[in-house]
Amino acid sequence: MPMLDETTRLRLPLVRRLEAIGFRAWPAATAQYDGSWLVRMTPGHGSRRLNSINPLDPHDGSDMAGRLERAARQFRDAGLVPTVRQTPLTPPGLVAHLDAMGWTRFSETIVMTVDIPPNPASDELGHVPLRDVARFVEARMAIAGDPPETKVALTSVIEAIRAECGLFLFEDVGQGPTAVALAVQDYDLAGLLLVAVRPERRGEGIGRDIVGASLRWARLKGARKAWLAVEAENAPALALYRGLGFTEAYRYLYRTPAGE
């Protein structure tokens, strides 16, 4: 069986913690374990993270073909495409098996982290998070161009988050929403999700401002480190986050059967 390289082995504790926090921050409608493989499904929502097979132990490669087929059957029965989320926790033998079966690789994503600096004593929160989930969801859909049929599922996901949430919305008078961000504070970690800026307003520093507001709120709530996930091909977002001090922790990608 293929072995883990030294770099991967050393970062596994951080990966395990961020994966666990990430699942709590973005809860699926159903979550079932097959050994250490976590099968998450949320029919009606297009998020791959909510609809994926997540192996969580690089040493748990027993009966890979059988477990993969059982999970794939669950997805197909629900009208979903079987999708494996390949992270540093994925057994190397399973990666080799997916390669041999011709499963397609796509959507490489970078998980980034940053230490949240202390808030200056003179600095107030500045932007108070919303309590109106419906208003936040409508703003997010308008900015990101999400299809209308995802509204109910997105609302359900946000309402299912058990950790404390900060729903941030920036608006211009007479122009409507310009940016949104969801901050999820879980112990000393804060996740940033659903960050979006209206296309015609990008490049004006609005993204930096709303991320900054989210981090200030998270710090006041007790978080000391922030994390987020961004697609590797999203150069503007990567530049923004790197400019704010975020650095790469690890990467993951998705695998689906060829032709599906």
Protein backbone atom coordinates (compact mmCIF):
# COMPACT_ATOMS: atom_id res chain seq x y z
CA MET A 1 0.00 0.00 0.00
CA PRO A 2 1.36 3.48 -0.82
CA MET A 3 2.88 5.27 2.19
CA LEU A 4 2.32 8.84 3.39
CA ASP A 5 5.18 11.24 2.75
CA GLU A 6 6.74 12.98 5.75
CA THR A 7 5.26 16.41 4.99
CA THR A 8 1.75 14.98 4.84
CA ARG A 9 2.22 13.00 8.05
CA LEU A 10 3.37 16.06 10.02
CA ARG A 11 0.37 18.21 9.05
CA LEU A 12 -2.29 15.57 9.72
CA PRO A 13 -3.25 16.85 13.23
CA LEU A 14 -4.05 20.30 11.82
CA VAL A 15 -5.91 18.79 8.86
CA ARG A 16 -8.00 16.58 11.15
CA ARG A 17 -8.98 19.53 13.34
CA LEU A 18 -9.87 21.81 10.44
CA GLU A 19 -11.87 19.06 8.75
CA ALA A 20 -13.91 18.43 11.90
CA ILE A 21 -14.49 22.16 12.44
CA GLY A 22 -15.40 22.57 8.77
CA PHE A 23 -18.07 19.87 8.93
CA ARG A 24 -19.67 21.56 11.95
CA ALA A 25 -19.51 24.96 10.25
CA TRP A 26 -21.25 23.67 7.10
CA PRO A 27 -23.58 20.86 8.25
CA ALA A 28 -25.08 18.42 5.77
CA ALA A 29 -28.69 17.25 5.92
CA THR A 30 -27.51 13.68 6.53
CA ALA A 31 -24.15 12.39 7.72
CA GLN A 32 -23.38 8.69 8.02
CA TYR A 33 -20.15 6.88 8.85
CA ASP A 34 -18.80 3.73 7.23
CA GLY A 35 -15.79 3.11 9.41
CA SER A 36 -13.88 6.41 9.21
CA TRP A 37 -15.50 7.37 5.91
CA LEU A 38 -18.07 10.14 6.36
CA VAL A 39 -20.86 10.24 3.76
CA ARG A 40 -22.55 13.67 3.65
CA MET A 41 -25.62 14.38 1.52
CA THR A 42 -27.85 17.43 1.13
CA PRO A 43 -30.17 16.93 -1.87
CA GLY A 44 -31.33 20.26 -3.27
CA HIS A 45 -28.09 22.09 -2.54
CA GLY A 46 -25.29 22.23 -5.09
CA SER A 47 -22.42 22.45 -2.60
CA ARG A 48 -20.04 19.58 -3.23
CA ARG A 49 -18.82 19.79 0.36
CA LEU A 50 -22.40 19.01 1.45
CA ASN A 51 -22.63 16.11 -1.00
CA SER A 52 -19.43 14.11 -0.73
CA ILE A 53 -17.72 10.97 0.52
CA ASN A 54 -15.02 11.99 3.00
CA PRO A 55 -12.41 9.38 4.04
CA LEU A 56 -10.95 10.67 7.32
CA ASP A 57 -8.15 8.23 8.14
CA PRO A 58 -5.22 7.69 5.74
CA HIS A 59 -4.66 4.26 7.29
CA ASP A 60 -8.25 3.04 6.84
CA GLY A 61 -8.14 1.46 3.40
CA SER A 62 -9.95 -1.80 4.08
CA ASP A 63 -12.56 -3.01 1.56
CA MET A 64 -12.17 0.17 -0.49
CA ALA A 65 -14.04 -1.12 -3.53
CA GLY A 66 -17.00 -2.34 -1.49
CA ARG A 67 -17.29 0.79 0.63
CA LEU A 68 -16.98 3.02 -2.40
CA GLU A 69 -19.72 1.11 -4.19
CA ARG A 70 -22.05 1.30 -1.17
CA ALA A 71 -21.55 5.06 -0.86
CA ALA A 72 -21.97 5.55 -4.61
CA ARG A 73 -25.25 3.64 -4.48
CA GLN A 74 -26.52 5.99 -1.75
CA PHE A 75 -25.71 8.98 -3.93
CA ARG A 76 -27.37 7.57 -7.03
CA ASP A 77 -30.47 6.54 -5.07
CA ALA A 78 -30.75 10.18 -3.95
CA GLY A 79 -30.31 11.47 -7.52
CA LEU A 80 -26.76 12.68 -6.83
CA VAL A 81 -23.46 12.07 -8.59
CA PRO A 82 -21.08 10.02 -6.39
CA THR A 83 -18.35 12.43 -5.29
CA VAL A 84 -15.23 11.68 -3.25
CA ARG A 85 -13.61 14.60 -1.48
CA GLN A 86 -9.88 13.82 -1.60
CA THR A 87 -7.89 15.43 1.23
CA PRO A 88 -4.57 14.59 2.93
CA LEU A 89 -6.67 12.22 5.10
CA THR A 90 -7.66 10.08 2.09
CA PRO A 91 -5.88 6.69 2.14
CA PRO A 92 -3.19 6.60 -0.57
CA GLY A 93 -4.56 3.22 -1.65
CA LEU A 94 -7.98 4.75 -2.30
CA VAL A 95 -6.38 7.52 -4.38
CA ALA A 96 -4.63 4.84 -6.45
CA HIS A 97 -7.92 2.92 -6.78
CA LEU A 98 -9.77 6.03 -8.00
CA ASP A 99 -6.98 6.69 -10.49
CA ALA A 100 -7.20 3.13 -11.78
CA MET A 101 -11.00 3.42 -12.10
CA GLY A 102 -10.65 6.66 -14.08
CA TRP A 103 -12.42 8.92 -11.60
CA THR A 104 -12.13 12.55 -12.74
CA ARG A 105 -10.28 15.14 -10.62
CA PHE A 106 -11.69 18.67 -10.44
CA SER A 107 -12.18 21.78 -8.30
CA GLU A 108 -8.92 21.89 -6.35
CA THR A 109 -9.45 23.97 -3.21
CA ILE A 110 -6.95 25.57 -0.83
CA VAL A 111 -7.66 25.70 2.90
CA MET A 112 -5.97 28.76 4.40
CA THR A 113 -5.45 29.96 7.98
CA VAL A 114 -4.35 33.14 9.75
CA ASP A 115 -3.81 34.18 13.35
CA ILE A 116 -6.39 36.84 14.19
CA PRO A 117 -4.63 39.91 15.59
CA PRO A 118 -5.98 41.46 18.81
CA ASN A 119 -8.53 44.19 18.27
CA PRO A 120 -7.13 47.66 19.06
CA ALA A 121 -8.50 48.94 22.36
CA SER A 122 -9.98 51.95 20.59
CA ASP A 123 -11.53 49.94 17.78
CA GLU A 124 -15.24 49.21 18.04
CA LEU A 125 -16.87 46.31 16.21
CA GLY A 126 -17.93 48.73 13.47
CA HIS A 127 -20.27 46.35 11.67
CA VAL A 128 -22.87 44.44 13.68
CA PRO A 129 -23.85 41.05 12.21
CA LEU A 130 -27.40 40.43 11.04
CA ARG A 131 -29.87 38.20 12.83
CA ASP A 132 -32.14 37.92 9.78
CA VAL A 133 -31.13 34.73 7.95
CA ALA A 134 -33.68 35.27 5.16
CA ARG A 135 -32.32 38.74 4.38
CA PHE A 136 -28.75 37.41 4.37
CA VAL A 137 -29.64 34.53 2.05
CA GLU A 138 -31.42 36.84 -0.39
CA ALA A 139 -28.40 39.17 -0.45
CA ARG A 140 -25.98 36.28 -0.98
CA MET A 141 -28.07 34.93 -3.87
CA ALA A 142 -28.32 38.36 -5.50
CA ILE A 143 -24.57 38.98 -5.26
CA ALA A 144 -23.35 35.51 -6.23
CA GLY A 145 -26.05 34.75 -8.79
CA ASP A 146 -27.11 31.55 -7.02
CA PRO A 147 -30.12 29.84 -8.66
CA PRO A 148 -33.48 30.51 -6.93
CA GLU A 149 -34.09 26.82 -6.27
CA THR A 150 -31.17 26.73 -3.81
CA LYS A 151 -32.75 29.28 -1.45
CA VAL A 152 -34.54 26.78 0.79
CA ALA A 153 -31.52 24.49 1.08
CA LEU A 154 -29.10 27.33 1.81
CA THR A 155 -31.41 28.70 4.48
CA SER A 156 -31.69 25.26 6.05
CA VAL A 157 -27.91 24.81 6.12
CA ILE A 158 -27.32 28.15 7.85
CA GLU A 159 -30.11 27.52 10.37
CA ALA A 160 -28.60 24.10 11.15
CA ILE A 161 -25.23 25.57 12.22
CA ARG A 162 -24.93 25.01 15.97
CA ALA A 163 -21.86 27.18 16.57
CA GLU A 164 -22.26 30.95 16.93
CA CYS A 165 -22.60 32.72 13.56
CA GLY A 166 -21.97 36.22 12.35
CA LEU A 167 -23.97 37.10 9.23
CA PHE A 168 -22.30 40.11 7.66
CA LEU A 169 -23.96 42.22 4.97
CA PHE A 170 -22.66 45.42 3.38
CA GLU A 171 -25.15 47.58 1.50
CA ASP A 172 -25.14 50.87 -0.39
CA VAL A 173 -28.17 53.12 -0.08
CA GLY A 174 -30.22 52.83 -3.24
CA GLN A 175 -27.95 50.15 -4.73
CA GLY A 176 -28.68 47.16 -2.51
CA PRO A 177 -26.23 44.58 -1.14
CA THR A 178 -22.56 44.87 -2.11
CA ALA A 179 -20.91 42.09 -0.06
CA VAL A 180 -21.69 39.23 2.30
CA ALA A 181 -19.70 36.94 4.59
CA LEU A 182 -20.60 34.23 7.09
CA ALA A 183 -18.32 33.83 10.11
CA VAL A 184 -18.69 30.70 12.25
CA GLN A 185 -16.95 30.85 15.63
CA ASP A 186 -16.15 27.43 17.14
CA TYR A 187 -13.96 27.55 20.28
CA ASP A 188 -10.70 29.30 19.28
CA LEU A 189 -11.29 28.90 15.53
CA ALA A 190 -13.44 30.94 13.17
CA GLY A 191 -14.42 29.87 9.67
CA LEU A 192 -15.23 32.33 6.90
CA LEU A 193 -17.78 31.07 4.40
CA LEU A 194 -19.98 32.43 1.61
CA VAL A 195 -17.75 35.48 1.14
CA ALA A 196 -18.90 37.31 -1.98
CA VAL A 197 -18.65 40.82 -3.45
CA ARG A 198 -20.94 42.17 -6.17
CA PRO A 199 -19.05 41.74 -9.46
CA GLU A 200 -19.12 45.41 -10.50
CA ARG A 201 -17.80 46.48 -7.07
CA ARG A 202 -14.81 44.17 -6.93
CA GLY A 203 -11.41 45.79 -6.64
CA GLU A 204 -12.67 48.58 -4.37
CA GLY A 205 -11.51 47.03 -1.09
CA ILE A 206 -14.99 45.90 -0.07
CA GLY A 207 -13.86 42.28 0.24
CA ARG A 208 -11.02 43.26 2.55
CA ASP A 209 -13.42 45.33 4.67
CA ILE A 210 -16.04 42.63 5.13
CA VAL A 211 -13.43 39.98 5.94
CA GLY A 212 -11.88 42.41 8.41
CA ALA A 213 -15.24 43.02 10.06
CA SER A 214 -15.81 39.27 10.31
CA LEU A 215 -12.41 38.71 11.91
CA ARG A 216 -12.93 41.51 14.46
CA TRP A 217 -16.25 39.97 15.48
CA ALA A 218 -14.68 36.49 15.74
CA ARG A 219 -11.83 37.82 17.89
CA LEU A 220 -14.31 39.45 20.28
CA LYS A 221 -16.11 36.10 20.53
CA GLY A 222 -12.91 34.30 21.52
CA ALA A 223 -11.48 33.02 18.23
CA ARG A 224 -7.73 33.26 17.80
CA LYS A 225 -7.26 31.70 14.37
CA ALA A 226 -9.39 31.93 11.23
CA TRP A 227 -9.71 29.50 8.35
CA LEU A 228 -11.37 29.50 4.94
CA ALA A 229 -11.45 27.51 1.72
CA VAL A 230 -10.92 29.07 -1.71
CA GLU A 231 -10.72 27.49 -5.16
CA ALA A 232 -7.15 27.32 -6.40
CA GLU A 233 -8.11 29.02 -9.67
CA ASN A 234 -9.68 32.05 -7.96
CA ALA A 235 -6.66 34.35 -8.29
CA PRO A 236 -8.37 37.56 -7.05
CA ALA A 237 -9.63 35.87 -3.88
CA LEU A 238 -6.24 34.27 -3.24
CA ALA A 239 -4.57 37.67 -3.60
CA LEU A 240 -7.06 39.19 -1.15
CA TYR A 241 -6.56 36.50 1.49
CA ARG A 242 -2.79 36.41 1.13
CA GLY A 243 -2.77 40.18 1.53
CA LEU A 244 -4.61 39.70 4.83
CA GLY A 245 -1.96 37.24 6.03
CA PHE A 246 -3.69 33.94 5.24
CA THR A 247 -1.34 31.08 4.35
CA GLU A 248 -1.99 27.65 2.88
CA ALA A 249 -2.65 24.80 5.32
CA TYR A 250 -3.57 22.04 2.83
CA ARG A 251 -5.50 21.33 -0.34
CA TYR A 252 -8.31 19.05 -1.36
CA LEU A 253 -10.12 18.20 -4.59
CA TYR A 254 -13.15 16.25 -5.77
CA ARG A 255 -13.39 13.00 -7.72
CA THR A 256 -16.38 11.69 -9.70
CA PRO A 257 -16.76 8.62 -11.94
CA ALA A 258 -15.78 9.22 -15.53
CA GLY A 259 -18.80 10.26 -17.58
CA GLU A 260 -20.85 11.36 -14.59
